[in-house]
């Protein structure tokens, strides 16, 4: 058997389509059994893709295939039928009727695979958009709350932009003001910390928690963390008095606990582990363990009244990591036309001595130059060494133990609302959303 045409003809002759369970026999007398997957833009046309019972996919080139046998056809569900839920033995009633006394939570999606499910008509992972689709993905949600869903964007998180933060903050405020007790934001994990910080600064007088939640493993994998994270996020919305923007993800690699991280103090510290997110320079704000929520002292509680969104961001702020060998000309070119600058300095927050005159020229022009540390843990301190003291004299603004990403977002937000240099400096040094420590934690 060879080529795309040969594979298609063979499958069609046997009435095999994507989503069917098949057995593929290969040359060395082995057989592979699983669900036939559809082709996508990154898969070769002449390869059969089969999803194994363990959740992983295997691609088989046609030259190695002896035969393909149909085991069973995929179940074809009638999507027009109304989903019903069962509450105890013999109790079957419409979801709408069952929902009337439950609190309402909003799910405002930006993208990611957190609420996806496997559509067995095609074998593909499909984003869950409607409440019925969410219920199919995580039916336990229906026993906790009524769901109001909105797909605001469907993007990869590396494509997030400040203008999207603005739109997202405004829609979250609308949902809370319309009566939702909390808002869940499914979000890609790569830039989740940036978005959490942006919403933290943009939203005032929160009447419920705003929970950004993601998944490190897609929902069609046996090791997926999506369902546990989503259920824990819903639990925080329904059962806590939290009134902050937070990130909720696995606390460990097992499925025992989910950590609740403050939106201005969280960072993705691993590219793929399920416990990738950590609270930096402070403990997690709380955790969800077996459905029970614990929150540590000092969290912000739900407020009453109207949620407001002050969500303008200046898109001309620059974030730079200073490194050995960075030429002054390259540094100056990087900050050209910037309205504000965040420099992640070495150690306690230092830059090369030759860069200090440039910092002075910038600050004298009314352009704020803020300093953080490249280290994940710890704080800036520009009073220890001569370089740091010279930076202070040049007008650099040290931001303590504020995360570089949070500093970038905060400066963008501050400059979106204030242009007076002295006021900008004052706001950057003010602890508005617990973004830096008034006291140090041993972590």
Protein backbone atom coordinates (compact mmCIF):
# COMPACT_ATOMS: atom_id res chain seq x y z
CA UNK A 1 0.00 0.00 0.00
CA UNK A 2 1.45 3.38 -0.91
CA UNK A 3 0.54 7.03 -1.03
CA UNK A 4 -2.40 9.14 0.02
CA UNK A 5 -4.69 7.84 -2.75
CA UNK A 6 -4.07 4.21 -1.84
CA UNK A 7 -4.88 4.81 1.82
CA UNK A 8 -8.05 6.75 1.04
CA UNK A 9 -9.31 4.10 -1.40
CA UNK A 10 -8.65 1.33 1.08
CA UNK A 11 -10.44 3.14 3.93
CA UNK A 12 -13.41 4.08 1.73
CA UNK A 13 -13.77 0.52 0.45
CA UNK A 14 -14.16 -0.68 4.04
CA UNK A 15 -16.49 2.15 5.08
CA UNK A 16 -13.93 3.48 7.56
CA UNK A 17 -14.04 7.14 8.55
CA UNK A 18 -12.38 9.30 11.20
CA UNK A 19 -13.61 8.42 14.68
CA UNK A 20 -14.05 4.70 13.96
CA UNK A 21 -12.20 2.08 16.00
CA UNK A 22 -9.79 0.17 13.77
CA UNK A 23 -7.08 -2.48 13.87
CA UNK A 24 -4.02 -1.80 11.73
CA UNK A 25 -1.79 -4.77 10.92
CA UNK A 26 1.80 -3.92 10.09
CA UNK A 27 4.59 -5.80 8.37
CA UNK A 28 6.16 -7.54 11.36
CA UNK A 29 2.80 -9.18 12.22
CA UNK A 30 2.05 -6.70 14.98
CA UNK A 31 -1.30 -4.95 15.19
CA UNK A 32 -2.29 -1.53 16.50
CA UNK A 33 -5.82 -0.91 17.72
CA UNK A 34 -7.38 2.48 18.41
CA UNK A 35 -9.47 5.37 17.06
CA UNK A 36 -8.73 6.60 13.54
CA UNK A 37 -7.89 10.29 13.80
CA UNK A 38 -8.57 12.95 11.16
CA UNK A 39 -5.69 14.64 9.39
CA UNK A 40 -4.77 18.16 10.45
CA UNK A 41 -2.57 20.87 8.97
CA UNK A 42 0.61 19.45 10.51
CA UNK A 43 0.11 15.77 9.67
CA UNK A 44 1.39 14.14 6.49
CA UNK A 45 -1.35 13.17 4.05
CA UNK A 46 0.00 9.65 3.54
CA UNK A 47 0.12 8.67 7.22
CA UNK A 48 -2.61 6.94 9.21
CA UNK A 49 -2.96 8.41 12.70
CA UNK A 50 -4.44 6.19 15.41
CA UNK A 51 -5.25 7.24 18.97
CA UNK A 52 -4.21 4.42 21.30
CA UNK A 53 -6.22 3.36 24.38
CA UNK A 54 -3.65 5.13 26.59
CA UNK A 55 -4.55 8.45 24.96
CA UNK A 56 -1.47 8.94 22.81
CA UNK A 57 -1.37 9.09 19.02
CA UNK A 58 0.76 6.97 16.69
CA UNK A 59 1.42 7.66 13.02
CA UNK A 60 1.86 4.74 10.61
CA UNK A 61 3.41 5.15 7.15
CA UNK A 62 1.60 3.28 4.34
CA UNK A 63 4.66 1.21 3.38
CA UNK A 64 4.43 -0.54 6.73
CA UNK A 65 0.71 -1.36 6.60
CA UNK A 66 -0.56 -4.82 5.64
CA UNK A 67 -4.25 -4.18 6.32
CA UNK A 68 -6.75 -2.03 8.19
CA UNK A 69 -9.84 -3.67 9.72
CA UNK A 70 -12.94 -1.90 11.03
CA UNK A 71 -13.68 -2.88 14.63
CA UNK A 72 -16.62 -0.57 15.32
CA UNK A 73 -18.19 2.57 13.93
CA UNK A 74 -18.09 5.78 15.94
CA UNK A 75 -21.24 6.63 17.85
CA UNK A 76 -23.18 9.37 16.10
CA UNK A 77 -24.85 11.59 18.66
CA UNK A 78 -27.87 13.72 17.93
CA UNK A 79 -26.57 17.18 18.82
CA UNK A 80 -30.12 18.61 18.70
CA UNK A 81 -31.21 16.64 21.76
CA UNK A 82 -31.38 18.60 24.97
CA UNK A 83 -28.87 17.48 27.56
CA UNK A 84 -30.41 16.28 30.80
CA UNK A 85 -28.87 15.63 34.17
CA UNK A 86 -29.72 13.01 36.76
CA UNK A 87 -29.87 13.99 40.42
CA UNK A 88 -29.94 10.77 42.36
CA UNK A 89 -31.71 7.51 41.45
CA UNK A 90 -34.77 8.04 39.29
CA UNK A 91 -34.59 11.84 39.34
CA UNK A 92 -34.29 13.13 35.80
CA UNK A 93 -35.17 16.70 34.90
CA UNK A 94 -34.19 19.49 32.58
CA UNK A 95 -30.96 21.26 33.42
CA UNK A 96 -32.70 24.64 33.36
CA UNK A 97 -35.14 23.49 36.02
CA UNK A 98 -32.37 22.04 38.18
CA UNK A 99 -30.26 25.18 37.82
CA UNK A 100 -32.73 27.70 39.17
CA UNK A 101 -31.42 27.70 42.74
CA UNK A 102 -27.74 27.42 41.87
CA UNK A 103 -25.37 30.40 41.74
CA UNK A 104 -24.20 31.54 38.33
CA UNK A 105 -20.59 31.62 37.24
CA UNK A 106 -19.30 33.06 33.98
CA UNK A 107 -16.70 31.37 31.81
CA UNK A 108 -15.02 33.87 29.48
CA UNK A 109 -12.61 32.03 27.22
CA UNK A 110 -9.54 33.42 25.50
CA UNK A 111 -8.22 30.12 24.17
CA UNK A 112 -6.25 27.13 25.35
CA UNK A 113 -7.36 23.53 25.75
CA UNK A 114 -8.66 23.70 29.32
CA UNK A 115 -12.30 22.94 28.44
CA UNK A 116 -11.82 20.88 25.28
CA UNK A 117 -13.26 17.43 24.82
CA UNK A 118 -12.77 14.57 22.37
CA UNK A 119 -15.45 14.59 19.67
CA UNK A 120 -15.75 10.91 18.85
CA UNK A 121 -17.47 11.58 15.55
CA UNK A 122 -14.07 12.76 14.26
CA UNK A 123 -11.63 11.76 17.00
CA UNK A 124 -10.50 15.39 17.22
CA UNK A 125 -10.13 17.57 20.28
CA UNK A 126 -12.87 20.18 20.09
CA UNK A 127 -13.07 23.42 22.12
CA UNK A 128 -16.05 23.35 24.45
CA UNK A 129 -18.00 26.52 23.83
CA UNK A 130 -21.64 26.14 24.85
CA UNK A 131 -22.83 25.16 28.35
CA UNK A 132 -23.94 21.78 27.01
CA UNK A 133 -20.48 21.16 25.58
CA UNK A 134 -18.89 22.19 28.86
CA UNK A 135 -21.24 19.84 30.67
CA UNK A 136 -20.18 17.06 28.33
CA UNK A 137 -16.56 17.84 29.17
CA UNK A 138 -17.00 18.37 32.92
CA UNK A 139 -20.56 17.36 33.90
CA UNK A 140 -19.80 17.90 37.60
CA UNK A 141 -20.00 21.64 36.92
CA UNK A 142 -23.77 21.41 36.56
CA UNK A 143 -24.20 20.31 40.16
CA UNK A 144 -22.27 23.39 41.33
CA UNK A 145 -23.51 26.32 39.28
CA UNK A 146 -25.38 27.67 36.31
CA UNK A 147 -22.97 28.42 33.50
CA UNK A 148 -22.83 31.55 31.40
CA UNK A 149 -20.21 31.21 28.70
CA UNK A 150 -18.59 33.58 26.26
CA UNK A 151 -15.80 32.90 23.78
CA UNK A 152 -14.12 36.29 23.69
CA UNK A 153 -11.05 35.10 21.78
CA UNK A 154 -9.64 31.81 20.60
CA UNK A 155 -5.92 32.51 20.38
CA UNK A 156 -2.64 31.03 21.45
CA UNK A 157 -1.47 32.88 24.55
CA UNK A 158 1.74 34.08 22.89
CA UNK A 159 -0.53 36.20 20.68
CA UNK A 160 -2.00 38.06 23.67
CA UNK A 161 -1.82 41.86 23.42
CA UNK A 162 -2.61 44.79 25.76
CA UNK A 163 -5.71 45.66 23.73
CA UNK A 164 -7.05 42.17 24.48
CA UNK A 165 -6.43 42.74 28.20
CA UNK A 166 -8.60 45.86 27.89
CA UNK A 167 -11.46 44.01 26.22
CA UNK A 168 -11.19 41.09 28.62
CA UNK A 169 -11.27 43.32 31.72
CA UNK A 170 -14.34 45.14 30.44
CA UNK A 171 -16.21 41.91 29.74
CA UNK A 172 -15.29 40.41 33.12
CA UNK A 173 -16.66 43.53 34.82
CA UNK A 174 -19.87 43.20 32.79
CA UNK A 175 -20.33 39.55 33.79
CA UNK A 176 -19.83 40.25 37.49
CA UNK A 177 -22.14 43.27 37.36
CA UNK A 178 -24.81 41.12 35.69
CA UNK A 179 -24.92 38.79 38.69
CA UNK A 180 -22.25 36.12 38.28
CA UNK A 181 -20.65 35.18 41.60
CA UNK A 182 -17.30 34.63 39.93
CA UNK A 183 -15.61 34.54 36.57
CA UNK A 184 -13.41 31.76 35.17
CA UNK A 185 -11.03 32.62 32.34
CA UNK A 186 -9.65 29.63 30.43
CA UNK A 187 -6.28 30.86 29.15
CA UNK A 188 -3.16 29.48 27.53
CA UNK A 189 -0.46 28.98 30.15
CA UNK A 190 2.52 30.68 28.48
CA UNK A 191 1.42 34.27 29.15
CA UNK A 192 -1.17 33.63 31.83
CA UNK A 193 0.91 35.52 34.42
CA UNK A 194 0.90 38.67 32.28
CA UNK A 195 -2.88 38.55 31.82
CA UNK A 196 -3.47 37.87 35.52
CA UNK A 197 -1.41 40.93 36.43
CA UNK A 198 -3.21 43.05 33.83
CA UNK A 199 -6.65 42.12 35.17
CA UNK A 200 -5.43 42.64 38.75
CA UNK A 201 -4.60 46.29 38.04
CA UNK A 202 -7.50 46.96 35.67
CA UNK A 203 -10.39 45.71 37.83
CA UNK A 204 -11.64 47.58 40.91
CA UNK A 205 -14.17 46.65 43.59
CA UNK A 206 -14.38 42.96 42.70
CA UNK A 207 -17.62 41.33 43.83
CA UNK A 208 -16.21 37.86 43.27
CA UNK A 209 -13.08 35.98 42.27
CA UNK A 210 -11.64 36.18 38.78
CA UNK A 211 -9.88 32.85 38.23
CA UNK A 212 -7.50 32.29 35.33
CA UNK A 213 -7.17 28.59 34.72
CA UNK A 214 -5.26 26.54 32.20
CA UNK A 215 -4.03 23.10 31.35
CA UNK A 216 -0.51 21.87 30.74
CA UNK A 217 -1.81 18.68 29.11
CA UNK A 218 -4.64 18.64 26.59
CA UNK A 219 -7.85 16.96 27.66
CA UNK A 220 -7.44 13.97 25.33
CA UNK A 221 -4.33 12.85 27.21
CA UNK A 222 -4.60 10.52 30.21
CA UNK A 223 -2.38 12.85 32.25
CA UNK A 224 -4.53 15.91 31.56
CA UNK A 225 -4.95 18.40 34.39
CA UNK A 226 -7.82 20.25 32.72
CA UNK A 227 -10.83 18.78 34.54
CA UNK A 228 -9.37 19.05 38.03
CA UNK A 229 -8.24 22.63 37.44
CA UNK A 230 -11.61 23.69 36.02
CA UNK A 231 -13.60 22.08 38.84
CA UNK A 232 -11.35 23.67 41.46
CA UNK A 233 -11.77 27.08 39.79
CA UNK A 234 -15.54 26.69 39.89
CA UNK A 235 -15.34 25.69 43.55
CA UNK A 236 -13.43 28.90 44.35
CA UNK A 237 -16.09 30.97 42.56
CA UNK A 238 -19.01 29.31 44.33
CA UNK A 239 -17.74 28.53 47.83
CA UNK A 240 -15.21 31.26 48.74
CA UNK A 241 -15.46 34.92 49.68
CA UNK A 242 -12.36 35.75 47.64
CA UNK A 243 -12.38 39.07 45.78
CA UNK A 244 -9.13 38.98 43.79
CA UNK A 245 -7.72 38.01 40.43
CA UNK A 246 -5.94 34.68 40.83
CA UNK A 247 -4.35 31.88 38.83
CA UNK A 248 -5.38 28.34 39.75
CA UNK A 249 -3.26 25.37 38.64
CA UNK A 250 -1.94 22.07 39.99
CA UNK A 251 0.21 22.51 43.10
CA UNK A 252 2.07 19.23 42.56
CA UNK A 253 2.48 16.74 39.75
CA UNK A 254 -0.17 14.47 41.28
CA UNK A 255 -3.87 15.32 41.37
CA UNK A 256 -4.19 15.98 45.10
CA UNK A 257 -4.23 19.79 45.36
CA UNK A 258 -4.60 22.92 43.25
CA UNK A 259 -2.81 26.10 44.33
CA UNK A 260 -4.43 29.54 44.26
CA UNK A 261 -1.85 32.13 43.22
CA UNK A 262 -2.29 35.90 43.49
CA UNK A 263 -2.45 37.41 40.02
CA UNK A 264 0.47 39.79 40.54
CA UNK A 265 2.80 37.26 42.18
CA UNK A 266 2.63 34.21 39.94
CA UNK A 267 5.06 32.89 37.35
CA UNK A 268 5.23 29.91 35.04
CA UNK A 269 8.45 28.21 36.15
CA UNK A 270 8.44 25.08 34.01
CA UNK A 271 7.64 24.62 30.34
CA UNK A 272 5.57 21.44 30.65
CA UNK A 273 5.09 20.14 34.22
CA UNK A 274 1.58 20.23 35.62
CA UNK A 275 2.85 22.10 38.70
CA UNK A 276 4.58 24.74 36.55
CA UNK A 277 3.07 27.77 38.29
CA UNK A 278 4.56 29.13 41.51
CA UNK A 279 3.87 32.07 43.78
CA UNK A 280 7.07 34.12 43.90
CA UNK A 281 8.39 35.63 47.15
CA UNK A 282 5.23 34.66 49.02
CA UNK A 283 3.25 31.47 49.70
CA UNK A 284 0.23 30.65 47.52
CA UNK A 285 -2.86 32.60 48.48
CA UNK A 286 -4.64 29.33 49.14
CA UNK A 287 -5.39 25.88 47.81
CA UNK A 288 -8.23 23.58 46.87
CA UNK A 289 -7.87 20.06 48.26
CA UNK A 290 -10.59 17.44 47.72
CA UNK A 291 -13.08 20.23 47.10
CA UNK A 292 -12.21 22.11 50.31
CA UNK A 293 -10.83 25.66 50.03
CA UNK A 294 -8.31 27.17 52.42
CA UNK A 295 -7.15 30.77 52.12
CA UNK A 296 -4.27 32.28 54.04
CA UNK A 297 -4.44 35.49 56.01
CA UNK A 298 -4.42 38.75 54.09
CA UNK A 299 -6.54 37.94 51.05
CA UNK A 300 -8.98 40.49 49.64
CA UNK A 301 -12.64 39.64 50.17
CA UNK A 302 -15.61 40.14 47.85
CA UNK A 303 -16.95 43.65 47.85
CA UNK A 304 -20.39 45.08 47.23
CA UNK A 305 -21.43 47.51 44.57
CA UNK A 306 -20.33 47.88 40.97
CA UNK A 307 -17.17 46.39 39.50
CA UNK A 308 -15.27 48.95 37.44
CA UNK A 309 -12.70 48.42 34.71
CA UNK A 310 -9.93 50.99 34.31
CA UNK A 311 -8.27 49.05 31.58
CA UNK A 312 -6.20 51.32 29.36
CA UNK A 313 -2.63 50.13 28.71
CA UNK A 314 0.24 52.03 27.09
CA UNK A 315 1.66 49.77 24.38
CA UNK A 316 4.98 51.65 24.11
CA UNK A 317 6.47 50.27 27.32
CA UNK A 318 9.65 48.24 26.80
CA UNK A 319 10.90 45.31 28.90
CA UNK A 320 14.64 44.54 28.68
CA UNK A 321 16.86 41.94 30.27
CA UNK A 322 20.35 43.37 30.65
CA UNK A 323 23.15 40.93 29.85
CA UNK A 324 26.96 40.88 29.70
CA UNK A 325 28.10 42.23 26.36
CA UNK A 326 24.99 44.32 25.68
CA UNK A 327 26.36 47.33 23.84
CA UNK A 328 25.18 50.79 24.82
CA UNK A 329 24.12 51.48 21.24
CA UNK A 330 21.94 48.36 21.26
CA UNK A 331 20.51 49.35 24.65
CA UNK A 332 19.70 52.84 23.39
CA UNK A 333 18.15 51.45 20.21
CA UNK A 334 15.97 49.11 22.28
CA UNK A 335 14.45 51.98 24.26
CA UNK A 336 14.07 54.37 21.34
CA UNK A 337 10.55 55.87 21.32
CA UNK A 338 9.63 54.05 24.56
CA UNK A 339 7.30 55.84 26.96
CA UNK A 340 8.45 53.67 29.86
CA UNK A 341 11.15 51.07 30.47
CA UNK A 342 11.46 48.06 32.76
CA UNK A 343 14.99 46.68 33.07
CA UNK A 344 15.59 43.26 34.60
CA UNK A 345 19.04 43.87 36.02
CA UNK A 346 21.61 41.37 37.21
CA UNK A 347 21.59 40.25 40.83
CA UNK A 348 20.31 43.10 42.96
CA UNK A 349 19.24 44.99 39.83
CA UNK A 350 22.44 46.22 38.20
CA UNK A 351 23.29 47.29 34.66
CA UNK A 352 26.66 48.00 33.06
CA UNK A 353 28.22 51.20 34.37
CA UNK A 354 28.28 52.62 30.84
CA UNK A 355 24.48 52.37 30.60
CA UNK A 356 23.90 54.71 33.54
CA UNK A 357 24.28 57.98 31.55
CA UNK A 358 21.55 56.72 29.19
CA UNK A 359 19.28 56.05 32.17
CA UNK A 360 19.93 59.60 33.37
CA UNK A 361 19.06 61.09 29.96
CA UNK A 362 15.84 59.09 29.84
CA UNK A 363 14.65 60.07 33.30
CA UNK A 364 15.52 63.72 32.67
CA UNK A 365 13.19 63.54 29.65
CA UNK A 366 10.42 62.26 31.93
CA UNK A 367 10.64 58.62 30.84
CA UNK A 368 10.40 56.28 33.86
CA UNK A 369 13.11 53.61 34.08
CA UNK A 370 12.09 50.86 36.51
CA UNK A 371 14.43 48.18 37.82
CA UNK A 372 13.68 44.57 38.76
CA UNK A 373 15.95 41.59 39.29
CA UNK A 374 16.54 38.77 36.82
CA UNK A 375 16.53 36.37 39.74
CA UNK A 376 13.21 34.66 40.27
CA UNK A 377 13.33 35.00 44.05
CA UNK A 378 14.68 37.88 46.09
CA UNK A 379 14.57 41.65 45.74
CA UNK A 380 16.32 44.57 44.13
CA UNK A 381 18.60 46.67 46.33
CA UNK A 382 20.47 49.50 44.63
CA UNK A 383 22.05 50.78 47.85
CA UNK A 384 24.56 47.97 48.35
CA UNK A 385 27.10 48.52 45.56
CA UNK A 386 28.38 51.64 43.83
CA UNK A 387 26.72 50.73 40.53
CA UNK A 388 23.33 50.60 42.18
CA UNK A 389 23.85 53.89 43.98
CA UNK A 390 24.85 55.54 40.70
CA UNK A 391 21.68 54.15 39.12
CA UNK A 392 19.61 55.70 41.90
CA UNK A 393 21.29 59.05 41.36
CA UNK A 394 20.46 58.73 37.66
CA UNK A 395 16.77 58.40 38.52
CA UNK A 396 16.22 54.63 38.27
CA UNK A 397 13.15 53.37 40.15
CA UNK A 398 13.84 50.10 42.05
CA UNK A 399 10.72 47.95 42.42
CA UNK A 400 11.69 45.66 45.29
CA UNK A 401 10.67 42.05 44.74
CA UNK A 402 8.08 42.79 42.06
CA UNK A 403 8.20 40.29 39.20
CA UNK A 404 9.60 41.70 35.96
CA UNK A 405 6.47 40.63 34.05
CA UNK A 406 4.23 42.28 36.64
CA UNK A 407 6.36 45.44 36.54
CA UNK A 408 5.98 45.62 32.76
CA UNK A 409 2.20 45.23 33.00
CA UNK A 410 1.91 47.71 35.87
CA UNK A 411 3.96 50.39 34.12
CA UNK A 412 1.88 49.88 30.95
CA UNK A 413 -1.29 50.30 33.03
CA UNK A 414 -0.03 53.30 35.01
CA UNK A 415 1.07 55.12 31.84
CA UNK A 416 -2.30 54.33 30.30
CA UNK A 417 -3.90 56.51 32.96
CA UNK A 418 -1.20 58.96 34.09
CA UNK A 419 1.47 60.93 32.22
CA UNK A 420 2.98 63.12 34.97
CA UNK A 421 6.41 61.70 35.80
CA UNK A 422 6.26 62.32 39.56
CA UNK A 423 2.83 60.71 39.78
CA UNK A 424 3.95 57.73 37.68
CA UNK A 425 6.94 57.24 39.98
CA UNK A 426 4.68 57.46 43.04
CA UNK A 427 2.25 54.88 41.65
CA UNK A 428 5.03 52.48 40.66
CA UNK A 429 6.36 52.61 44.24
CA UNK A 430 2.86 52.15 45.71
CA UNK A 431 1.65 48.65 46.55
CA UNK A 432 -1.65 48.69 44.66
CA UNK A 433 -2.44 44.97 44.25
CA UNK A 434 0.00 43.22 46.59
CA UNK A 435 2.53 43.22 43.74
CA UNK A 436 5.52 43.53 46.07
CA UNK A 437 6.21 42.54 49.66
CA UNK A 438 5.80 44.84 52.62
CA UNK A 439 7.40 42.03 54.59
CA UNK A 440 9.57 39.14 53.46
CA UNK A 441 8.40 35.52 53.40
CA UNK A 442 10.77 32.60 53.77
CA UNK A 443 9.89 30.55 50.67
